[in-house]
Amino acid sequence: MTVTPKPRGRHHHGDLRRALLDAVAEIVLEAGPEAVSLRECARRAGVSHSAAAPHFGDKRGLLTAFAVEKSERLARAMEAAVAALPASADARARLAATGRGYLAFARENPAHFRLMFRTDLIDTADEAWRAAARGAWAPLATAMAAVAPGLEGRALRARLALAWSAVHGFGTLRLEVPGADLWAGEERAAEVADDMLALVVEACAAPV
């Protein structure tokens, strides 16, 4: 009796969880977060829906795990940008570096970036997600505290909102409107990003 082996798909070496998360990234890039389903991710990983379900439970669990991974990667990207600065770098340079790290993450992880704040699709009560979100916020908060020492309350919140909104907005627009004249070509886009970050840093460092 001849037995035809089942196609292995991407589920090899026992790393089904990784294969399912990779499938999420593919689907988000192809059709957006709404198109993700545990069944389709299982199909792409080369396993049955019943084999995939124990890892995440359902679509919300799958997208929450994907978002946790996103937050951890984002934090590392910002920390790496700061760590790459010379030891003599001042507080303003470190704040600008967090922005460059954020934009680098958006450019290199577009699927993760598009899902970042889709709280309608993820479980925001999940402890791992909450911890990862706090970790992703920490580099900006630390850099801002150094740029504007002693600032608190309303004045501090305004600066944090300015920095986050500017960088996240720029990253989003570059993904959604990549051919805009404002940042046509990598060289111009890098110039615009650097100049924007310089303006943001100056505003955040300004006296109350």
C-alpha atoms as a PDB file:
ATOM      1  CA  MET A   1       0.000   0.000   0.000  1.00  0.00           C
ATOM      2  CA  THR A   2       1.413   3.355  -1.022  1.00  0.00           C
ATOM      3  CA  VAL A   3       0.946   6.278   1.331  1.00  0.00           C
ATOM      4  CA  THR A   4       1.091   9.764  -0.128  1.00  0.00           C
ATOM      5  CA  PRO A   5       2.815  12.092   2.357  1.00  0.00           C
ATOM      6  CA  LYS A   6       0.961  15.205   3.394  1.00  0.00           C
ATOM      7  CA  PRO A   7       2.534  18.450   2.139  1.00  0.00           C
ATOM      8  CA  ARG A   8       4.625  19.906   4.919  1.00  0.00           C
ATOM      9  CA  GLY A   9       3.781  23.543   4.219  1.00  0.00           C
ATOM     10  CA  ARG A  10       5.682  25.843   6.569  1.00  0.00           C
ATOM     11  CA  HIS A  11       4.955  23.852   9.693  1.00  0.00           C
ATOM     12  CA  HIS A  12       8.293  22.165  10.176  1.00  0.00           C
ATOM     13  CA  HIS A  13      10.727  21.973  13.061  1.00  0.00           C
ATOM     14  CA  GLY A  14       7.651  22.091  15.322  1.00  0.00           C
ATOM     15  CA  ASP A  15       7.331  25.878  15.193  1.00  0.00           C
ATOM     16  CA  LEU A  16       3.631  26.157  14.377  1.00  0.00           C
ATOM     17  CA  ARG A  17       3.173  29.300  16.465  1.00  0.00           C
ATOM     18  CA  ARG A  18       5.792  31.115  14.398  1.00  0.00           C
ATOM     19  CA  ALA A  19       4.244  29.916  11.138  1.00  0.00           C
ATOM     20  CA  LEU A  20       0.799  31.163  12.184  1.00  0.00           C
ATOM     21  CA  LEU A  21       2.132  34.606  13.145  1.00  0.00           C
ATOM     22  CA  ASP A  22       4.016  34.828   9.854  1.00  0.00           C
ATOM     23  CA  ALA A  23       0.756  34.041   8.072  1.00  0.00           C
ATOM     24  CA  VAL A  24      -0.925  36.939   9.887  1.00  0.00           C
ATOM     25  CA  ALA A  25       1.706  39.333   8.517  1.00  0.00           C
ATOM     26  CA  GLU A  26       1.147  38.045   4.988  1.00  0.00           C
ATOM     27  CA  ILE A  27      -2.622  38.462   5.148  1.00  0.00           C
ATOM     28  CA  VAL A  28      -2.456  41.926   6.726  1.00  0.00           C
ATOM     29  CA  LEU A  29      -0.208  43.104   3.901  1.00  0.00           C
ATOM     30  CA  GLU A  30      -2.378  41.497   1.238  1.00  0.00           C
ATOM     31  CA  ALA A  31      -5.864  42.398   2.426  1.00  0.00           C
ATOM     32  CA  GLY A  32      -5.745  44.154   5.814  1.00  0.00           C
ATOM     33  CA  PRO A  33      -6.322  42.999   9.402  1.00  0.00           C
ATOM     34  CA  GLU A  34     -10.025  42.311   8.870  1.00  0.00           C
ATOM     35  CA  ALA A  35      -9.179  39.534   6.417  1.00  0.00           C
ATOM     36  CA  VAL A  36      -7.212  37.527   8.994  1.00  0.00           C
ATOM     37  CA  SER A  37      -8.790  34.287  10.181  1.00  0.00           C
ATOM     38  CA  LEU A  38      -7.357  31.444  12.205  1.00  0.00           C
ATOM     39  CA  ARG A  39      -8.534  29.002   9.546  1.00  0.00           C
ATOM     40  CA  GLU A  40      -6.722  30.816   6.736  1.00  0.00           C
ATOM     41  CA  CYS A  41      -3.560  31.159   8.809  1.00  0.00           C
ATOM     42  CA  ALA A  42      -3.695  27.424   9.528  1.00  0.00           C
ATOM     43  CA  ARG A  43      -4.097  26.679   5.838  1.00  0.00           C
ATOM     44  CA  ARG A  44      -1.055  28.774   4.985  1.00  0.00           C
ATOM     45  CA  ALA A  45       0.937  27.071   7.727  1.00  0.00           C
ATOM     46  CA  GLY A  46      -0.014  23.690   6.285  1.00  0.00           C
ATOM     47  CA  VAL A  47      -2.061  22.408   9.237  1.00  0.00           C
ATOM     48  CA  SER A  48      -5.708  21.983  10.162  1.00  0.00           C
ATOM     49  CA  HIS A  49      -7.772  24.587  11.985  1.00  0.00           C
ATOM     50  CA  SER A  50      -8.028  22.213  14.951  1.00  0.00           C
ATOM     51  CA  ALA A  51      -4.231  22.017  15.154  1.00  0.00           C
ATOM     52  CA  ALA A  52      -3.904  25.801  15.186  1.00  0.00           C
ATOM     53  CA  ALA A  53      -6.686  26.614  17.657  1.00  0.00           C
ATOM     54  CA  PRO A  54      -4.874  25.478  20.851  1.00  0.00           C
ATOM     55  CA  HIS A  55      -2.127  28.051  20.280  1.00  0.00           C
ATOM     56  CA  PHE A  56      -4.329  31.157  20.218  1.00  0.00           C
ATOM     57  CA  GLY A  57      -7.936  30.088  20.727  1.00  0.00           C
ATOM     58  CA  ASP A  58      -9.505  32.348  18.114  1.00  0.00           C
ATOM     59  CA  LYS A  59      -8.837  35.255  15.760  1.00  0.00           C
ATOM     60  CA  ARG A  60      -8.716  37.792  18.589  1.00  0.00           C
ATOM     61  CA  GLY A  61      -6.149  35.712  20.444  1.00  0.00           C
ATOM     62  CA  LEU A  62      -4.078  35.352  17.297  1.00  0.00           C
ATOM     63  CA  LEU A  63      -4.115  39.088  16.550  1.00  0.00           C
ATOM     64  CA  THR A  64      -3.364  39.912  20.186  1.00  0.00           C
ATOM     65  CA  ALA A  65      -0.260  37.716  20.098  1.00  0.00           C
ATOM     66  CA  PHE A  66       0.744  39.392  16.840  1.00  0.00           C
ATOM     67  CA  ALA A  67       0.281  42.821  18.443  1.00  0.00           C
ATOM     68  CA  VAL A  68       2.382  41.789  21.463  1.00  0.00           C
ATOM     69  CA  GLU A  69       5.195  40.854  19.125  1.00  0.00           C
ATOM     70  CA  LYS A  70       4.763  44.217  17.389  1.00  0.00           C
ATOM     71  CA  SER A  71       5.135  46.203  20.591  1.00  0.00           C
ATOM     72  CA  GLU A  72       8.247  44.286  21.597  1.00  0.00           C
ATOM     73  CA  ARG A  73       9.834  44.858  18.183  1.00  0.00           C
ATOM     74  CA  LEU A  74       8.930  48.539  18.259  1.00  0.00           C
ATOM     75  CA  ALA A  75      10.570  49.005  21.654  1.00  0.00           C
ATOM     76  CA  ARG A  76      13.720  47.268  20.435  1.00  0.00           C
ATOM     77  CA  ALA A  77      13.845  49.448  17.316  1.00  0.00           C
ATOM     78  CA  MET A  78      13.713  52.656  19.358  1.00  0.00           C
ATOM     79  CA  GLU A  79      16.198  51.376  21.922  1.00  0.00           C
ATOM     80  CA  ALA A  80      18.590  50.328  19.149  1.00  0.00           C
ATOM     81  CA  ALA A  81      18.415  53.777  17.537  1.00  0.00           C
ATOM     82  CA  VAL A  82      19.282  55.424  20.849  1.00  0.00           C
ATOM     83  CA  ALA A  83      22.042  52.897  21.564  1.00  0.00           C
ATOM     84  CA  ALA A  84      23.638  53.647  18.180  1.00  0.00           C
ATOM     85  CA  LEU A  85      24.268  57.266  19.167  1.00  0.00           C
ATOM     86  CA  PRO A  86      27.731  58.304  20.359  1.00  0.00           C
ATOM     87  CA  ALA A  87      28.200  58.474  24.108  1.00  0.00           C
ATOM     88  CA  SER A  88      28.365  62.268  23.875  1.00  0.00           C
ATOM     89  CA  ALA A  89      24.839  62.545  22.415  1.00  0.00           C
ATOM     90  CA  ASP A  90      22.607  64.921  24.362  1.00  0.00           C
ATOM     91  CA  ALA A  91      18.982  64.541  25.393  1.00  0.00           C
ATOM     92  CA  ARG A  92      17.663  66.128  22.203  1.00  0.00           C
ATOM     93  CA  ALA A  93      19.603  63.691  20.044  1.00  0.00           C
ATOM     94  CA  ARG A  94      18.201  60.783  22.048  1.00  0.00           C
ATOM     95  CA  LEU A  95      14.633  62.016  21.621  1.00  0.00           C
ATOM     96  CA  ALA A  96      15.158  62.376  17.863  1.00  0.00           C
ATOM     97  CA  ALA A  97      16.630  58.875  17.791  1.00  0.00           C
ATOM     98  CA  THR A  98      13.469  57.371  19.288  1.00  0.00           C
ATOM     99  CA  GLY A  99      11.582  58.917  16.383  1.00  0.00           C
ATOM    100  CA  ARG A 100      13.995  57.486  13.828  1.00  0.00           C
ATOM    101  CA  GLY A 101      13.674  54.068  15.442  1.00  0.00           C
ATOM    102  CA  TYR A 102       9.888  54.326  15.311  1.00  0.00           C
ATOM    103  CA  LEU A 103       9.949  55.237  11.622  1.00  0.00           C
ATOM    104  CA  ALA A 104      12.423  52.462  10.854  1.00  0.00           C
ATOM    105  CA  PHE A 105      10.079  49.981  12.515  1.00  0.00           C
ATOM    106  CA  ALA A 106       7.135  51.258  10.426  1.00  0.00           C
ATOM    107  CA  ARG A 107       9.151  50.962   7.224  1.00  0.00           C
ATOM    108  CA  GLU A 108      10.513  47.495   7.967  1.00  0.00           C
ATOM    109  CA  ASN A 109       7.385  45.988   9.567  1.00  0.00           C
ATOM    110  CA  PRO A 110       4.419  47.397   7.626  1.00  0.00           C
ATOM    111  CA  ALA A 111       2.040  44.585   8.611  1.00  0.00           C
ATOM    112  CA  HIS A 112       2.779  45.053  12.299  1.00  0.00           C
ATOM    113  CA  PHE A 113       2.494  48.817  11.968  1.00  0.00           C
ATOM    114  CA  ARG A 114      -0.934  48.624  10.317  1.00  0.00           C
ATOM    115  CA  LEU A 115      -2.276  46.555  13.190  1.00  0.00           C
ATOM    116  CA  MET A 116      -0.668  48.619  15.947  1.00  0.00           C
ATOM    117  CA  PHE A 117      -3.716  50.389  17.277  1.00  0.00           C
ATOM    118  CA  ARG A 118      -6.571  48.270  16.012  1.00  0.00           C
ATOM    119  CA  THR A 119      -7.924  47.815  19.518  1.00  0.00           C
ATOM    120  CA  ASP A 120     -11.237  46.681  18.038  1.00  0.00           C
ATOM    121  CA  LEU A 121      -9.502  43.515  16.868  1.00  0.00           C
ATOM    122  CA  ILE A 122      -7.267  42.663  19.827  1.00  0.00           C
ATOM    123  CA  ASP A 123      -7.761  41.883  23.501  1.00  0.00           C
ATOM    124  CA  THR A 124      -6.548  44.991  25.308  1.00  0.00           C
ATOM    125  CA  ALA A 125      -7.171  43.335  28.680  1.00  0.00           C
ATOM    126  CA  ASP A 126      -4.549  40.694  27.908  1.00  0.00           C
ATOM    127  CA  GLU A 127      -1.690  41.057  30.404  1.00  0.00           C
ATOM    128  CA  ALA A 128       1.020  40.272  27.869  1.00  0.00           C
ATOM    129  CA  TRP A 129      -0.368  42.925  25.524  1.00  0.00           C
ATOM    130  CA  ARG A 130      -0.558  45.523  28.295  1.00  0.00           C
ATOM    131  CA  ALA A 131       3.019  44.810  29.384  1.00  0.00           C
ATOM    132  CA  ALA A 132       4.306  45.010  25.819  1.00  0.00           C
ATOM    133  CA  ALA A 133       2.444  48.279  25.215  1.00  0.00           C
ATOM    134  CA  ARG A 134       4.050  49.786  28.324  1.00  0.00           C
ATOM    135  CA  GLY A 135       7.424  48.606  27.113  1.00  0.00           C
ATOM    136  CA  ALA A 136       6.920  50.239  23.729  1.00  0.00           C
ATOM    137  CA  TRP A 137       6.014  53.535  25.403  1.00  0.00           C
ATOM    138  CA  ALA A 138       9.032  53.558  27.710  1.00  0.00           C
ATOM    139  CA  PRO A 139      11.739  54.761  25.245  1.00  0.00           C
ATOM    140  CA  LEU A 140       9.739  57.868  24.317  1.00  0.00           C
ATOM    141  CA  ALA A 141       8.799  58.628  27.924  1.00  0.00           C
ATOM    142  CA  THR A 142      12.414  58.276  29.056  1.00  0.00           C
ATOM    143  CA  ALA A 143      13.751  60.484  26.266  1.00  0.00           C
ATOM    144  CA  MET A 144      11.086  63.118  26.850  1.00  0.00           C
ATOM    145  CA  ALA A 145      11.842  63.244  30.580  1.00  0.00           C
ATOM    146  CA  ALA A 146      15.467  64.018  29.722  1.00  0.00           C
ATOM    147  CA  VAL A 147      14.556  66.740  27.216  1.00  0.00           C
ATOM    148  CA  ALA A 148      12.028  68.399  29.522  1.00  0.00           C
ATOM    149  CA  PRO A 149      13.165  67.566  33.071  1.00  0.00           C
ATOM    150  CA  GLY A 150      10.696  68.320  35.811  1.00  0.00           C
ATOM    151  CA  LEU A 151       7.819  68.751  33.400  1.00  0.00           C
ATOM    152  CA  GLU A 152       4.608  66.999  34.381  1.00  0.00           C
ATOM    153  CA  GLY A 153       0.853  67.052  34.008  1.00  0.00           C
ATOM    154  CA  ARG A 154      -0.745  68.886  31.121  1.00  0.00           C
ATOM    155  CA  ALA A 155       2.504  70.333  29.722  1.00  0.00           C
ATOM    156  CA  LEU A 156       4.203  66.929  29.622  1.00  0.00           C
ATOM    157  CA  ARG A 157       1.188  65.226  28.075  1.00  0.00           C
ATOM    158  CA  ALA A 158       1.089  67.825  25.300  1.00  0.00           C
ATOM    159  CA  ARG A 159       4.729  67.180  24.384  1.00  0.00           C
ATOM    160  CA  LEU A 160       4.299  63.419  24.432  1.00  0.00           C
ATOM    161  CA  ALA A 161       1.204  63.733  22.252  1.00  0.00           C
ATOM    162  CA  LEU A 162       3.036  66.003  19.808  1.00  0.00           C
ATOM    163  CA  ALA A 163       6.008  63.671  19.446  1.00  0.00           C
ATOM    164  CA  TRP A 164       3.929  60.510  19.118  1.00  0.00           C
ATOM    165  CA  SER A 165       1.367  62.024  16.732  1.00  0.00           C
ATOM    166  CA  ALA A 166       3.978  63.527  14.431  1.00  0.00           C
ATOM    167  CA  VAL A 167       6.081  60.389  14.127  1.00  0.00           C
ATOM    168  CA  HIS A 168       3.193  57.948  13.908  1.00  0.00           C
ATOM    169  CA  GLY A 169       1.362  60.158  11.426  1.00  0.00           C
ATOM    170  CA  PHE A 170       4.416  60.460   9.202  1.00  0.00           C
ATOM    171  CA  GLY A 171       4.990  56.700   9.300  1.00  0.00           C
ATOM    172  CA  THR A 172       1.349  56.009   8.458  1.00  0.00           C
ATOM    173  CA  LEU A 173       1.225  58.472   5.578  1.00  0.00           C
ATOM    174  CA  ARG A 174       4.394  57.093   4.053  1.00  0.00           C
ATOM    175  CA  LEU A 175       2.834  53.627   4.057  1.00  0.00           C
ATOM    176  CA  GLU A 176      -0.553  54.720   2.758  1.00  0.00           C
ATOM    177  CA  VAL A 177       0.643  57.327   0.216  1.00  0.00           C
ATOM    178  CA  PRO A 178       4.138  56.141  -0.740  1.00  0.00           C
ATOM    179  CA  GLY A 179       4.237  58.155  -3.979  1.00  0.00           C
ATOM    180  CA  ALA A 180       3.508  61.566  -2.485  1.00  0.00           C
ATOM    181  CA  ASP A 181       5.746  64.350  -3.835  1.00  0.00           C
ATOM    182  CA  LEU A 182       6.528  65.442  -0.300  1.00  0.00           C
ATOM    183  CA  TRP A 183       8.678  62.347   0.299  1.00  0.00           C
ATOM    184  CA  ALA A 184       9.265  60.986  -3.193  1.00  0.00           C
ATOM    185  CA  GLY A 185      12.408  58.856  -3.115  1.00  0.00           C
ATOM    186  CA  GLU A 186      14.344  57.533  -0.161  1.00  0.00           C
ATOM    187  CA  GLU A 187      16.742  60.471   0.026  1.00  0.00           C
ATOM    188  CA  ARG A 188      13.995  63.098   0.172  1.00  0.00           C
ATOM    189  CA  ALA A 189      11.965  61.010   2.612  1.00  0.00           C
ATOM    190  CA  ALA A 190      14.967  60.754   4.930  1.00  0.00           C
ATOM    191  CA  GLU A 191      15.519  64.521   4.732  1.00  0.00           C
ATOM    192  CA  VAL A 192      11.879  65.293   5.496  1.00  0.00           C
ATOM    193  CA  ALA A 193      11.875  62.852   8.405  1.00  0.00           C
ATOM    194  CA  ASP A 194      15.055  64.321   9.898  1.00  0.00           C
ATOM    195  CA  ASP A 195      13.821  67.904   9.525  1.00  0.00           C
ATOM    196  CA  MET A 196      10.422  67.033  11.004  1.00  0.00           C
ATOM    197  CA  LEU A 197      12.056  65.311  13.960  1.00  0.00           C
ATOM    198  CA  ALA A 198      14.274  68.356  14.535  1.00  0.00           C
ATOM    199  CA  LEU A 199      11.194  70.586  14.666  1.00  0.00           C
ATOM    200  CA  VAL A 200       9.424  68.214  17.047  1.00  0.00           C
ATOM    201  CA  VAL A 201      12.425  68.079  19.358  1.00  0.00           C
ATOM    202  CA  GLU A 202      12.687  71.885  19.421  1.00  0.00           C
ATOM    203  CA  ALA A 203       9.007  72.179  20.296  1.00  0.00           C
ATOM    204  CA  CYS A 204       9.277  69.552  23.031  1.00  0.00           C
ATOM    205  CA  ALA A 205      12.339  71.216  24.536  1.00  0.00           C
ATOM    206  CA  ALA A 206      10.804  74.719  24.518  1.00  0.00           C
ATOM    207  CA  PRO A 207      10.086  76.348  27.891  1.00  0.00           C
ATOM    208  CA  VAL A 208       6.523  76.101  29.158  1.00  0.00           C
END
